[in-house]
Protein backbone atom coordinates (compact mmCIF):
# COMPACT_ATOMS: atom_id res chain seq x y z
CA MET A 1 32.49 -32.56 -18.19
CA LEU A 2 33.31 -31.81 -14.56
CA ALA A 3 34.35 -28.26 -15.48
CA VAL A 4 30.99 -27.68 -17.23
CA LEU A 5 29.11 -29.02 -14.20
CA LEU A 6 31.07 -26.76 -11.85
CA LYS A 7 30.42 -23.82 -14.13
CA ILE A 8 26.66 -24.51 -14.10
CA LEU A 9 26.67 -24.87 -10.30
CA SER A 10 28.58 -21.60 -9.92
CA ILE A 11 26.07 -19.80 -12.17
CA ILE A 12 23.16 -21.25 -10.14
CA GLY A 13 24.88 -20.17 -6.92
CA ILE A 14 25.39 -16.64 -8.23
CA VAL A 15 21.74 -16.42 -9.32
CA LEU A 16 20.57 -17.65 -5.91
CA LEU A 17 22.82 -15.12 -4.17
CA TRP A 18 21.37 -12.35 -6.33
CA ILE A 19 17.83 -13.47 -5.50
CA LEU A 20 18.64 -13.62 -1.78
CA GLY A 21 20.29 -10.20 -1.98
CA ILE A 22 17.24 -8.71 -3.70
CA ILE A 23 14.92 -10.25 -1.11
CA LEU A 24 17.12 -8.93 1.70
CA CYS A 25 17.12 -5.44 0.17
CA ILE A 26 13.31 -5.48 -0.13
CA ILE A 27 12.98 -6.56 3.51
CA LEU A 28 15.37 -3.83 4.66
CA LEU A 29 13.52 -1.23 2.60
CA LEU A 30 10.19 -2.34 4.09
CA LEU A 31 11.57 -2.13 7.61
CA PHE A 32 13.59 1.07 7.43
CA THR A 33 11.72 3.15 4.83
CA PRO A 34 8.79 5.15 6.25
CA PHE A 35 5.18 4.64 5.24
CA CYS A 36 3.65 8.10 4.86
CA TYR A 37 -0.05 8.90 4.95
CA ARG A 38 -2.29 11.92 4.56
CA ALA A 39 -6.06 12.29 4.95
CA ALA A 40 -8.72 15.01 4.94
CA LEU A 41 -12.13 14.90 6.65
CA LYS A 42 -14.96 17.32 5.86
CA LYS A 43 -18.41 17.41 7.44
CA HIS A 44 -20.91 20.12 6.55
CA GLY A 45 -24.54 19.53 7.35
CA GLN A 46 -25.50 16.12 5.96
CA ASP A 47 -22.54 16.00 3.55
CA PHE A 48 -19.55 13.90 4.57
CA ASP A 49 -16.32 13.51 2.66
CA LEU A 50 -13.22 11.51 3.57
CA GLN A 51 -10.16 11.24 1.34
CA GLY A 52 -6.78 9.76 2.09
CA LYS A 53 -3.68 8.22 0.62
CA MET A 54 -0.63 6.32 1.78
CA TRP A 55 2.64 5.86 -0.06
CA TRP A 56 5.98 4.14 0.38
CA LEU A 57 9.41 4.54 -1.18
CA PHE A 58 8.81 7.76 -3.15
CA HIS A 59 5.37 6.57 -4.34
CA PHE A 60 6.68 3.22 -5.57
CA LEU A 61 3.63 1.84 -3.75
CA HIS A 62 0.68 4.19 -3.56
CA ILE A 63 -2.76 3.56 -2.02
CA THR A 64 -5.74 5.91 -2.31
CA PHE A 65 -9.18 5.69 -0.74
CA SER A 66 -12.21 7.97 -0.55
CA PHE A 67 -15.72 7.97 0.85
CA HIS A 68 -18.39 10.53 0.01
CA HIS A 69 -21.95 10.88 1.30
CA SER A 70 -24.30 13.54 -0.02
CA ASP A 71 -28.09 13.81 -0.51
CA GLY A 72 -28.64 10.33 0.92
CA ARG A 73 -26.22 8.73 -1.55
CA SER A 74 -22.84 7.20 -0.76
CA ALA A 75 -19.86 6.48 -2.96
CA HIS A 76 -16.48 4.99 -2.15
CA ALA A 77 -13.30 4.21 -4.06
CA PHE A 78 -10.11 2.27 -3.35
CA GLU A 79 -7.09 1.81 -5.57
CA VAL A 80 -3.54 0.44 -5.28
CA TYR A 81 -0.84 1.82 -7.56
CA LEU A 82 2.49 0.11 -8.24
CA LEU A 83 4.90 2.33 -10.17
CA GLY A 84 1.90 4.43 -11.16
CA ILE A 85 -0.04 1.45 -12.57
CA PRO A 86 -3.54 0.94 -11.07
CA ILE A 87 -3.47 -2.71 -10.01
CA LEU A 88 -7.16 -3.19 -9.21
CA LYS A 89 -8.38 -1.55 -12.41
CA THR A 90 -5.95 -3.64 -14.45
CA LEU A 91 -7.17 -6.86 -12.84
CA ASN A 92 -10.80 -5.93 -13.47
CA ARG A 93 -10.09 -5.16 -17.11
CA ARG A 94 -8.36 -8.50 -17.58
CA LYS A 95 -11.33 -10.31 -16.06
CA GLU A 96 -13.65 -8.55 -18.48
CA LYS A 97 -11.43 -9.33 -21.47
CA LYS A 98 -11.35 -13.03 -20.59
CA LYS A 99 -14.98 -13.30 -21.68
CA SER A 100 -14.73 -14.02 -25.40
CA PRO A 101 -17.47 -13.10 -27.94
CA LYS A 102 -18.41 -16.79 -28.24
CA GLU A 103 -19.05 -17.03 -24.49
CA ASN A 104 -21.16 -13.88 -24.58
CA ALA A 105 -23.17 -15.28 -27.49
CA TYR A 106 -23.57 -18.59 -25.65
CA HIS A 107 -24.81 -16.85 -22.49
CA SER A 108 -27.26 -14.73 -24.48
CA ALA A 109 -28.57 -17.83 -26.30
CA SER A 110 -28.95 -19.65 -22.96
CA GLU A 111 -30.91 -16.75 -21.53
CA ALA A 112 -33.15 -16.71 -24.62
CA ARG A 113 -33.80 -20.45 -24.30
CA GLY A 114 -34.62 -19.99 -20.62
CA GLN A 115 -37.12 -17.28 -21.40
CA THR A 116 -38.70 -19.42 -24.15
CA TRP A 117 -38.95 -22.38 -21.77
CA THR A 118 -40.65 -20.36 -19.04
CA GLN A 119 -43.09 -18.84 -21.54
CA ALA A 120 -44.00 -22.18 -23.15
CA LYS A 121 -47.16 -24.01 -22.03
CA ILE A 122 -46.55 -27.53 -20.73
CA ARG A 123 -49.33 -29.95 -21.60
CA PRO A 124 -50.35 -32.18 -18.65
CA SER A 125 -49.55 -35.87 -19.05
CA ALA A 126 -52.89 -36.92 -17.55
CA GLU A 127 -56.29 -35.42 -17.03
CA PRO A 128 -56.91 -33.81 -13.67
CA GLY A 129 -58.35 -36.20 -11.13
CA ARG A 130 -57.06 -39.38 -12.77
CA TRP A 131 -53.98 -41.54 -12.25
CA LYS A 132 -51.57 -41.95 -15.07
CA TYR A 133 -50.88 -45.54 -14.01
CA ASN A 134 -53.53 -48.07 -15.13
CA PRO A 135 -53.64 -51.18 -12.92
CA ASP A 136 -55.62 -53.11 -15.58
CA ALA A 137 -52.63 -52.95 -17.96
CA GLY A 138 -50.47 -55.02 -15.63
CA THR A 139 -50.21 -58.75 -15.20
CA ALA A 140 -52.80 -60.86 -13.52
CA ASP A 141 -50.62 -61.35 -10.46
CA SER A 142 -50.24 -57.62 -9.93
CA ALA A 143 -54.02 -57.16 -10.02
CA LYS A 144 -54.53 -59.62 -7.19
CA GLN A 145 -55.38 -58.15 -3.82
CA ILE A 146 -54.09 -59.67 -0.59
CA ASP A 147 -56.73 -60.02 2.07
CA ILE A 148 -55.24 -59.72 5.52
CA SER A 149 -57.58 -61.05 8.18
CA VAL A 150 -57.16 -59.94 11.77
CA ILE A 151 -57.50 -62.72 14.33
CA PRO A 152 -59.04 -61.28 17.46
CA GLY A 153 -57.26 -62.23 20.72
CA GLU A 154 -58.31 -62.23 24.30
CA ARG A 155 -58.56 -58.65 25.56
CA PRO A 156 -57.04 -57.99 29.04
CA ASN A 157 -59.36 -56.83 31.76
CA ALA A 158 -59.66 -53.24 33.00
CA LEU A 159 -57.50 -53.78 36.09
CA ALA A 160 -54.60 -55.14 34.06
CA ARG A 161 -54.84 -52.26 31.61
CA LEU A 162 -54.86 -49.74 34.48
CA GLY A 163 -51.79 -51.38 36.06
CA ALA A 164 -49.93 -51.27 32.74
CA ARG A 165 -50.72 -47.57 32.30
CA ILE A 166 -49.59 -46.75 35.85
CA SER A 167 -46.35 -48.72 35.33
CA ALA A 168 -45.70 -46.86 32.07
CA LEU A 169 -46.40 -43.52 33.77
CA PHE A 170 -43.96 -44.26 36.62
CA ALA A 171 -41.34 -45.41 34.09
CA ARG A 172 -41.63 -42.11 32.23
CA ILE A 173 -41.41 -40.10 35.46
CA ARG A 174 -38.35 -42.08 36.57
CA LYS A 175 -36.67 -41.58 33.20
CA GLY A 176 -37.44 -37.84 33.24
CA LEU A 177 -36.11 -37.39 36.78
CA THR A 178 -32.97 -39.38 35.94
CA SER A 179 -32.23 -37.25 32.87
CA PHE A 180 -33.01 -34.05 34.82
CA PHE A 181 -30.63 -34.91 37.66
CA THR A 182 -27.95 -36.01 35.16
CA GLU A 183 -28.12 -32.74 33.23
CA THR A 184 -28.21 -30.75 36.48
CA GLU A 185 -25.07 -32.50 37.69
CA LYS A 186 -23.30 -31.73 34.41
CA VAL A 187 -24.32 -28.06 34.62
CA MET A 188 -23.11 -27.84 38.23
CA GLN A 189 -19.78 -29.38 37.29
CA LYS A 190 -19.35 -26.86 34.48
CA LEU A 191 -20.25 -23.98 36.80
CA GLN A 192 -17.77 -25.19 39.41
CA ALA A 193 -15.03 -25.52 36.79
CA PHE A 194 -15.81 -22.04 35.47
CA TRP A 195 -15.75 -20.55 38.95
CA ARG A 196 -12.40 -22.20 39.76
CA LYS A 197 -10.98 -20.90 36.49
CA PHE A 198 -12.41 -17.43 37.14
CA THR A 199 -10.97 -17.17 40.66
CA ASP A 200 -7.63 -18.54 39.46
CA THR A 201 -7.54 -15.93 36.69
CA LEU A 202 -8.38 -13.14 39.16
CA GLU A 203 -5.58 -14.24 41.47
CA TYR A 204 -3.16 -14.24 38.56
CA LEU A 205 -4.29 -10.76 37.41
CA GLU A 206 -3.57 -9.44 40.91
CA SER A 207 -0.12 -11.02 41.06
CA GLU A 208 3.14 -9.05 40.90
CA SER A 209 4.35 -10.76 37.72
CA PHE A 210 1.23 -9.77 35.77
CA TYR A 211 1.45 -6.22 37.13
CA GLN A 212 4.97 -5.89 35.72
CA PHE A 213 3.84 -7.33 32.40
CA LYS A 214 0.88 -4.92 32.29
CA GLU A 215 3.18 -1.95 32.88
CA LEU A 216 5.49 -3.11 30.10
CA ALA A 217 2.59 -3.70 27.69
CA LEU A 218 1.06 -0.29 28.40
CA ARG A 219 4.39 1.44 27.81
CA GLN A 220 4.91 -0.36 24.51
CA ILE A 221 1.35 0.26 23.31
CA GLY A 222 1.61 3.95 24.26
CA ALA A 223 4.89 4.31 22.39
CA LEU A 224 3.40 2.46 19.41
CA LEU A 225 0.38 4.74 19.24
CA LYS A 226 2.57 7.81 19.61
CA HIS A 227 4.65 6.61 16.65
CA ILE A 228 1.64 5.85 14.43
CA LEU A 229 -0.58 8.84 15.24
CA PRO A 230 -0.43 11.92 12.96
CA ARG A 231 2.47 14.32 13.25
CA SER A 232 0.40 17.30 12.15
CA ILE A 233 -3.33 18.13 12.46
CA ASP A 234 -4.82 21.29 10.94
CA GLY A 235 -8.33 22.66 10.47
CA TYR A 236 -11.28 23.35 12.68
CA LEU A 237 -13.91 21.43 14.62
CA GLU A 238 -17.25 22.91 15.66
CA PHE A 239 -19.58 20.84 17.82
CA GLY A 240 -22.60 21.20 20.03
CA THR A 241 -25.09 18.80 21.60
CA GLY A 242 -27.88 21.24 22.36
CA ASP A 243 -27.26 20.70 26.08
CA PRO A 244 -24.72 23.14 27.58
CA ALA A 245 -23.75 20.67 30.32
CA ALA A 246 -23.04 17.81 27.89
CA THR A 247 -21.17 20.15 25.53
CA GLY A 248 -19.02 21.35 28.44
CA GLN A 249 -18.17 17.77 29.43
CA ILE A 250 -17.07 16.95 25.88
CA LEU A 251 -15.02 20.13 25.78
CA GLY A 252 -13.34 19.11 29.03
CA LEU A 253 -12.36 15.73 27.55
CA ILE A 254 -10.95 17.44 24.46
CA ALA A 255 -9.01 19.85 26.64
CA ILE A 256 -7.16 16.96 28.27
CA PHE A 257 -5.64 15.82 24.95
CA TYR A 258 -5.56 19.17 23.17
CA PRO A 259 -2.08 20.24 24.40
CA THR A 260 -0.57 17.04 23.01
CA LEU A 261 -2.10 17.49 19.54
CA PRO A 262 0.45 18.57 16.91
CA GLY A 263 -0.32 21.30 14.45
CA ASP A 264 -3.02 23.96 14.63
CA LEU A 265 -6.52 22.61 15.28
CA LEU A 266 -9.23 25.13 16.16
CA VAL A 267 -12.00 23.77 18.39
CA ARG A 268 -15.18 25.86 18.65
CA PRO A 269 -17.95 24.64 20.99
CA ASP A 270 -21.56 25.71 20.49
CA PHE A 271 -23.49 25.70 23.76
CA GLN A 272 -26.82 26.68 22.20
CA GLU A 273 -27.51 24.47 19.17
CA GLU A 274 -26.84 20.90 18.12
CA VAL A 275 -24.22 21.05 15.41
CA PHE A 276 -21.22 19.13 14.12
CA GLU A 277 -19.00 20.73 11.48
CA ALA A 278 -15.44 19.72 10.68
CA ASP A 279 -12.73 20.41 8.15
CA ILE A 280 -9.64 18.57 9.35
CA SER A 281 -6.52 17.40 7.55
CA PHE A 282 -3.74 15.35 9.10
CA ARG A 283 -0.59 13.60 8.01
CA GLY A 284 2.07 11.35 9.49
CA HIS A 285 4.39 8.43 8.92
CA PHE A 286 5.58 5.27 10.63
CA PHE A 287 8.32 2.64 10.31
CA LEU A 288 7.60 -1.09 10.22
CA ILE A 289 10.74 -1.80 12.22
CA VAL A 290 9.36 0.24 15.14
CA LEU A 291 6.02 -1.60 15.00
CA LEU A 292 7.80 -4.96 14.84
CA VAL A 293 10.10 -4.19 17.78
CA ARG A 294 7.25 -2.91 19.98
CA VAL A 295 5.05 -5.91 19.25
CA LEU A 296 7.90 -8.39 19.78
CA ARG A 297 8.67 -6.87 23.18
CA ILE A 298 5.11 -7.72 24.23
CA VAL A 299 4.74 -11.09 22.51
CA THR A 300 8.07 -12.51 23.70
CA GLN A 301 7.16 -12.08 27.36
CA LYS A 302 6.47 -15.37 29.15
CA GLU A 303 3.42 -13.83 30.79
CA ILE A 304 1.69 -13.93 27.41
CA LYS A 305 1.86 -17.73 27.37
CA VAL A 306 0.63 -17.95 30.95
CA LEU A 307 -2.25 -15.61 30.19
CA MET A 308 -3.22 -17.59 27.10
CA HIS A 309 -3.26 -20.80 29.14
CA LYS A 310 -5.49 -19.10 31.69
CA ILE A 311 -7.92 -17.85 29.07
CA ARG A 312 -7.91 -21.02 26.95
CA PRO A 313 -10.96 -23.24 27.79
CA HIS A 314 -9.02 -26.51 28.09
CA GLY A 315 -5.83 -25.05 29.51
CA ARG A 316 -6.48 -26.43 33.03
CA LYS A 317 -7.08 -29.98 31.77
CA ARG A 318 -3.87 -29.96 29.73
CA ASN A 319 -1.86 -28.70 32.70
CA GLU A 320 -3.36 -31.40 34.95
CA LYS A 321 -2.49 -34.10 32.40
CA LYS A 322 1.10 -32.86 32.14
CA ALA A 323 1.45 -32.75 35.95
CA ALA A 324 0.10 -36.32 36.23
């Protein structure tokens, strides 16, 4: 019996090791296998077309998307393929197949009954202008009417009434002023707290520790963008604003980044007319391990926690409670 139990436990352990090994292999493949992407953008007149795809592990996972606008009409598509099988289309087909013929017949019958009910004429339960309830059909006690007589009292004189009105008026004024000063004090306290928090945050942003963190974050974000951005850009771009000065300014901005663009992109400015034509294709790839390392280098800095406490609305109150 003990040998059988040990055998079962060994089999379970082997299965668990295989599962853990498979999970570890999937994680390693996700981290160290590149995600490749490719896209094409076309703009001619009022027509706009964007198509792209991204794949991983020799198209084991494949994602396609497209957007097209022409003659005032737009169309878009998105699909996820796993081993060549369209996942979204398969899920939609299964949802449609779940509706059995009986359910369709039931829904059609319900709709027919609803239409018959709305078209039918409902006869009123009572003639217009009359109550459906008849008080004469009740008991004798219910037909009795209670006569409430008002006993007149002594009416106060005009001076007393005037004094009461003045007292009520002063009470309202006092209550209004009290509530006004109370709300004003609360608003002033909130403004003072906000100003203290604002000045404290400005002092922290000008400190040496935050400056070092900002330099580190900018380096990591720059390296991350450089890793994600396309490795090749081809095609042409023709633009014009109708204003030669504005077109020249845009061309100057493009000229700053143009030497760093990979591939062969032709930029043609039009200083006379307002135009925007483009036929651009680009491609690239990235690794999840690089993204994870860059993000962790930023998130693991202690300055992130300090900055979150500064930005958080109740961070000051929590710090004061801990210090007390």
